[in-house]
């Protein structure tokens, strides 16, 4: 007993795919030139550059905020330590 497919168009998935592996390796496929590969690499490089610039701006902003937090915390801890009172050393000449 086989379950009913959710989509009736997907009923026969056991057969071969039209234009499958034989279609990819057949003589009718177009030749890939070095210009095609170079164009694809340029397209990918442009996409990577856009993403890198977006991430870089976010990283710089996060680093600036993190640095500001560290400076404020260091100031606050130093001020607190100073208010606790320091030992007073009195030196007298005899």
N, C-alpha and C. Protein backbone atom coordinates (compact mmCIF):
# COMPACT_ATOMS: atom_id res chain seq x y z
N UNK A 1 0.84 -1.16 0.00
CA UNK A 1 0.00 0.00 0.00
C UNK A 1 0.90 1.25 0.00
N UNK A 2 0.82 2.04 -1.05
CA UNK A 2 1.63 3.26 -1.16
C UNK A 2 0.77 4.46 -0.79
N UNK A 3 1.35 5.41 -0.09
CA UNK A 3 0.56 6.59 0.29
C UNK A 3 0.28 7.47 -0.92
N UNK A 4 -0.80 8.21 -0.85
CA UNK A 4 -1.18 9.12 -1.92
C UNK A 4 -0.23 10.32 -1.91
N UNK A 5 0.23 10.77 -3.07
CA UNK A 5 1.07 11.97 -3.09
C UNK A 5 0.25 13.21 -2.79
N UNK A 6 0.89 14.21 -2.18
CA UNK A 6 0.19 15.44 -1.87
C UNK A 6 -0.19 16.20 -3.12
N UNK A 7 0.67 16.15 -4.13
CA UNK A 7 0.43 16.83 -5.39
C UNK A 7 0.27 15.77 -6.47
N UNK A 8 -0.86 15.71 -7.17
CA UNK A 8 -1.05 14.67 -8.18
C UNK A 8 -0.03 14.78 -9.32
N UNK A 9 0.57 15.94 -9.54
CA UNK A 9 1.57 16.07 -10.60
C UNK A 9 2.88 15.38 -10.24
N UNK A 10 3.07 15.08 -8.97
CA UNK A 10 4.29 14.42 -8.52
C UNK A 10 4.10 12.92 -8.36
N UNK A 11 3.07 12.36 -8.96
CA UNK A 11 2.74 10.96 -8.76
C UNK A 11 3.85 10.03 -9.25
N UNK A 12 4.46 10.28 -10.40
CA UNK A 12 5.46 9.38 -10.95
C UNK A 12 6.85 10.02 -10.84
N UNK A 13 7.53 9.76 -9.73
CA UNK A 13 8.87 10.28 -9.55
C UNK A 13 9.92 9.20 -9.72
N UNK A 14 9.51 7.98 -10.01
CA UNK A 14 10.46 6.89 -10.13
C UNK A 14 11.10 6.83 -11.51
N UNK A 15 10.52 7.47 -12.50
CA UNK A 15 11.05 7.42 -13.86
C UNK A 15 12.25 8.33 -14.04
N UNK A 16 12.79 8.32 -15.24
CA UNK A 16 13.94 9.18 -15.51
C UNK A 16 13.47 10.60 -15.79
N UNK A 17 14.34 11.52 -15.56
CA UNK A 17 14.03 12.93 -15.77
C UNK A 17 14.30 13.26 -17.23
N UNK A 18 13.36 13.92 -17.93
CA UNK A 18 13.62 14.27 -19.31
C UNK A 18 14.79 15.24 -19.40
N UNK A 19 15.70 14.96 -20.28
CA UNK A 19 16.88 15.81 -20.45
C UNK A 19 17.81 15.71 -19.27
N UNK A 20 17.85 14.55 -18.61
CA UNK A 20 18.67 14.35 -17.41
C UNK A 20 20.14 14.33 -17.73
N UNK A 21 20.85 13.33 -17.20
CA UNK A 21 22.29 13.25 -17.36
C UNK A 21 22.68 13.10 -18.83
N UNK A 22 21.88 12.38 -19.57
CA UNK A 22 22.20 12.22 -20.99
C UNK A 22 22.07 13.55 -21.72
N UNK A 23 21.10 14.37 -21.34
CA UNK A 23 20.93 15.67 -21.97
C UNK A 23 22.05 16.63 -21.60
N UNK A 24 22.60 16.48 -20.39
CA UNK A 24 23.69 17.36 -19.98
C UNK A 24 24.98 17.03 -20.71
N UNK A 25 25.19 15.77 -21.00
CA UNK A 25 26.44 15.34 -21.62
C UNK A 25 26.31 15.15 -23.12
N UNK A 26 25.14 15.39 -23.66
CA UNK A 26 24.91 15.15 -25.08
C UNK A 26 25.59 16.17 -25.96
N UNK A 27 25.55 15.91 -27.27
CA UNK A 27 26.20 16.78 -28.24
C UNK A 27 25.44 18.08 -28.42
N UNK A 28 24.18 18.14 -27.98
CA UNK A 28 23.39 19.35 -28.20
C UNK A 28 23.69 20.44 -27.17
N UNK A 29 24.49 20.16 -26.14
CA UNK A 29 24.78 21.18 -25.13
C UNK A 29 25.77 22.20 -25.69
N UNK A 30 25.60 23.47 -25.34
CA UNK A 30 26.50 24.50 -25.88
C UNK A 30 27.89 24.39 -25.25
N UNK A 31 28.88 24.82 -25.97
CA UNK A 31 30.26 24.80 -25.47
C UNK A 31 30.43 25.96 -24.50
N UNK A 32 31.17 25.73 -23.45
CA UNK A 32 31.46 26.78 -22.47
C UNK A 32 32.83 27.33 -22.78
N UNK A 33 32.87 28.63 -23.03
CA UNK A 33 34.14 29.25 -23.39
C UNK A 33 34.78 29.87 -22.14
N UNK A 34 36.03 30.25 -22.29
CA UNK A 34 36.72 30.89 -21.18
C UNK A 34 36.09 32.25 -20.86
N UNK A 35 35.50 32.90 -21.87
CA UNK A 35 34.81 34.17 -21.64
C UNK A 35 33.59 33.98 -20.74
N UNK A 36 32.87 32.86 -20.95
CA UNK A 36 31.72 32.56 -20.10
C UNK A 36 32.14 32.36 -18.65
N UNK A 37 33.22 31.63 -18.45
CA UNK A 37 33.71 31.37 -17.10
C UNK A 37 34.18 32.67 -16.45
N UNK A 38 34.90 33.48 -17.22
CA UNK A 38 35.40 34.75 -16.70
C UNK A 38 34.24 35.68 -16.33
N UNK A 39 33.20 35.71 -17.14
CA UNK A 39 32.03 36.55 -16.85
C UNK A 39 31.34 36.08 -15.58
N UNK A 40 31.23 34.78 -15.41
CA UNK A 40 30.59 34.24 -14.20
C UNK A 40 31.42 34.56 -12.96
N UNK A 41 32.75 34.44 -13.07
CA UNK A 41 33.61 34.78 -11.94
C UNK A 41 33.50 36.27 -11.59
N UNK A 42 33.42 37.12 -12.59
CA UNK A 42 33.27 38.56 -12.33
C UNK A 42 31.94 38.83 -11.62
N UNK A 43 30.89 38.16 -12.06
CA UNK A 43 29.58 38.33 -11.44
C UNK A 43 29.63 37.89 -9.97
N UNK A 44 30.26 36.75 -9.71
CA UNK A 44 30.38 36.26 -8.33
C UNK A 44 31.24 37.22 -7.50
N UNK A 45 32.32 37.73 -8.09
CA UNK A 45 33.20 38.65 -7.37
C UNK A 45 32.46 39.93 -7.01
N UNK A 46 31.62 40.43 -7.90
CA UNK A 46 30.84 41.63 -7.61
C UNK A 46 29.87 41.38 -6.45
N UNK A 47 29.23 40.20 -6.45
CA UNK A 47 28.32 39.86 -5.36
C UNK A 47 29.07 39.77 -4.04
N UNK A 48 30.24 39.16 -4.06
CA UNK A 48 31.04 39.03 -2.84
C UNK A 48 31.48 40.41 -2.35
N UNK A 49 31.86 41.31 -3.25
CA UNK A 49 32.27 42.65 -2.86
C UNK A 49 31.14 43.41 -2.18
N UNK A 50 29.93 43.28 -2.71
CA UNK A 50 28.78 43.96 -2.12
C UNK A 50 28.52 43.43 -0.71
N UNK A 51 28.54 42.12 -0.57
CA UNK A 51 28.29 41.51 0.74
C UNK A 51 29.40 41.89 1.71
N UNK A 52 30.64 41.89 1.25
CA UNK A 52 31.77 42.24 2.11
C UNK A 52 31.66 43.66 2.61
N UNK A 53 31.29 44.59 1.74
CA UNK A 53 31.14 45.98 2.16
C UNK A 53 30.03 46.14 3.18
N UNK A 54 28.92 45.42 3.01
CA UNK A 54 27.83 45.49 3.97
C UNK A 54 28.26 44.96 5.33
N UNK A 55 28.94 43.82 5.32
CA UNK A 55 29.38 43.20 6.56
C UNK A 55 30.46 44.06 7.23
N UNK A 56 31.33 44.65 6.43
CA UNK A 56 32.40 45.49 6.99
C UNK A 56 31.83 46.68 7.73
N UNK A 57 30.81 47.34 7.16
CA UNK A 57 30.24 48.50 7.83
C UNK A 57 29.56 48.10 9.14
N UNK A 58 28.92 46.96 9.16
CA UNK A 58 28.28 46.48 10.39
C UNK A 58 29.36 46.14 11.43
N UNK A 59 30.44 45.52 10.99
CA UNK A 59 31.51 45.14 11.91
C UNK A 59 32.19 46.36 12.51
N UNK A 60 32.42 47.39 11.70
CA UNK A 60 33.04 48.61 12.21
C UNK A 60 32.13 49.29 13.23
N UNK A 61 30.84 49.33 12.96
CA UNK A 61 29.90 49.92 13.90
C UNK A 61 29.87 49.13 15.21
N UNK A 62 29.84 47.81 15.11
CA UNK A 62 29.82 46.98 16.31
C UNK A 62 31.11 47.15 17.11
N UNK A 63 32.24 47.25 16.44
CA UNK A 63 33.51 47.45 17.13
C UNK A 63 33.54 48.80 17.84
N UNK A 64 33.02 49.84 17.21
CA UNK A 64 32.99 51.17 17.83
C UNK A 64 32.10 51.17 19.06
N UNK A 65 30.95 50.53 18.98
CA UNK A 65 30.05 50.45 20.13
C UNK A 65 30.70 49.64 21.25
N UNK A 66 31.34 48.53 20.90
CA UNK A 66 32.02 47.71 21.90
C UNK A 66 33.13 48.47 22.59
N UNK A 67 33.90 49.23 21.84
CA UNK A 67 34.98 50.03 22.42
C UNK A 67 34.43 51.09 23.35
N UNK A 68 33.34 51.73 22.97
CA UNK A 68 32.71 52.74 23.82
C UNK A 68 32.23 52.11 25.13
N UNK A 69 31.66 50.94 25.07
CA UNK A 69 31.19 50.25 26.27
C UNK A 69 32.37 49.93 27.19
N UNK A 70 33.47 49.45 26.62
CA UNK A 70 34.65 49.13 27.41
C UNK A 70 35.19 50.37 28.10
N UNK A 71 35.25 51.48 27.39
CA UNK A 71 35.76 52.73 27.98
C UNK A 71 34.85 53.20 29.12
N UNK A 72 33.54 53.15 28.93
CA UNK A 72 32.60 53.59 29.97
C UNK A 72 32.71 52.69 31.19
N UNK A 73 32.80 51.39 30.99
CA UNK A 73 32.91 50.46 32.12
C UNK A 73 34.22 50.68 32.87
N UNK A 74 35.32 50.87 32.14
CA UNK A 74 36.61 51.12 32.79
C UNK A 74 36.56 52.41 33.60
N UNK A 75 35.94 53.45 33.05
CA UNK A 75 35.81 54.72 33.77
C UNK A 75 34.97 54.54 35.03
N UNK A 76 33.87 53.81 34.90
CA UNK A 76 32.97 53.61 36.03
C UNK A 76 33.66 52.81 37.13
N UNK A 77 34.37 51.75 36.75
CA UNK A 77 35.06 50.94 37.76
C UNK A 77 36.19 51.72 38.42
N UNK A 78 36.91 52.53 37.66
CA UNK A 78 37.98 53.34 38.24
C UNK A 78 37.44 54.40 39.18
N UNK A 79 36.35 55.00 38.83
CA UNK A 79 35.75 56.02 39.68
C UNK A 79 35.24 55.40 40.97
N UNK A 80 34.65 54.23 40.86
CA UNK A 80 34.13 53.53 42.03
C UNK A 80 35.26 53.16 42.97
N UNK A 81 36.35 52.69 42.40
CA UNK A 81 37.50 52.30 43.23
C UNK A 81 38.11 53.53 43.91
N UNK A 82 38.13 54.64 43.23
CA UNK A 82 38.66 55.87 43.82
C UNK A 82 37.80 56.39 44.94
N UNK A 83 36.48 56.21 44.84
CA UNK A 83 35.57 56.69 45.89
C UNK A 83 35.62 55.82 47.13
N UNK A 84 36.06 54.58 47.00
CA UNK A 84 36.10 53.69 48.16
C UNK A 84 37.07 54.18 49.21
N UNK A 85 37.98 54.98 48.81
CA UNK A 85 38.93 55.52 49.78
C UNK A 85 40.28 54.85 49.62
N UNK A 86 41.26 55.67 49.56
CA UNK A 86 42.62 55.17 49.43
C UNK A 86 43.32 55.32 50.77
N UNK A 87 44.34 54.53 50.96
CA UNK A 87 45.11 54.61 52.18
C UNK A 87 45.91 55.92 52.17
N UNK A 88 45.85 56.62 53.27
CA UNK A 88 46.57 57.88 53.39
C UNK A 88 47.84 57.61 54.18
N UNK A 89 48.96 57.93 53.59
CA UNK A 89 50.24 57.72 54.23
C UNK A 89 50.81 59.07 54.58
N UNK A 90 51.07 59.28 55.87
CA UNK A 90 51.58 60.57 56.31
C UNK A 90 53.03 60.39 56.73
N UNK A 91 53.88 61.18 56.14
CA UNK A 91 55.30 61.08 56.45
C UNK A 91 55.71 62.35 57.19
N UNK A 92 56.37 62.18 58.35
CA UNK A 92 56.83 63.32 59.14
C UNK A 92 58.33 63.24 59.31
N UNK A 93 58.96 64.39 59.19
CA UNK A 93 60.40 64.45 59.45
C UNK A 93 60.63 64.71 60.92
N UNK A 94 61.59 64.12 61.39
CA UNK A 94 61.90 64.29 62.81
C UNK A 94 63.03 65.25 63.01
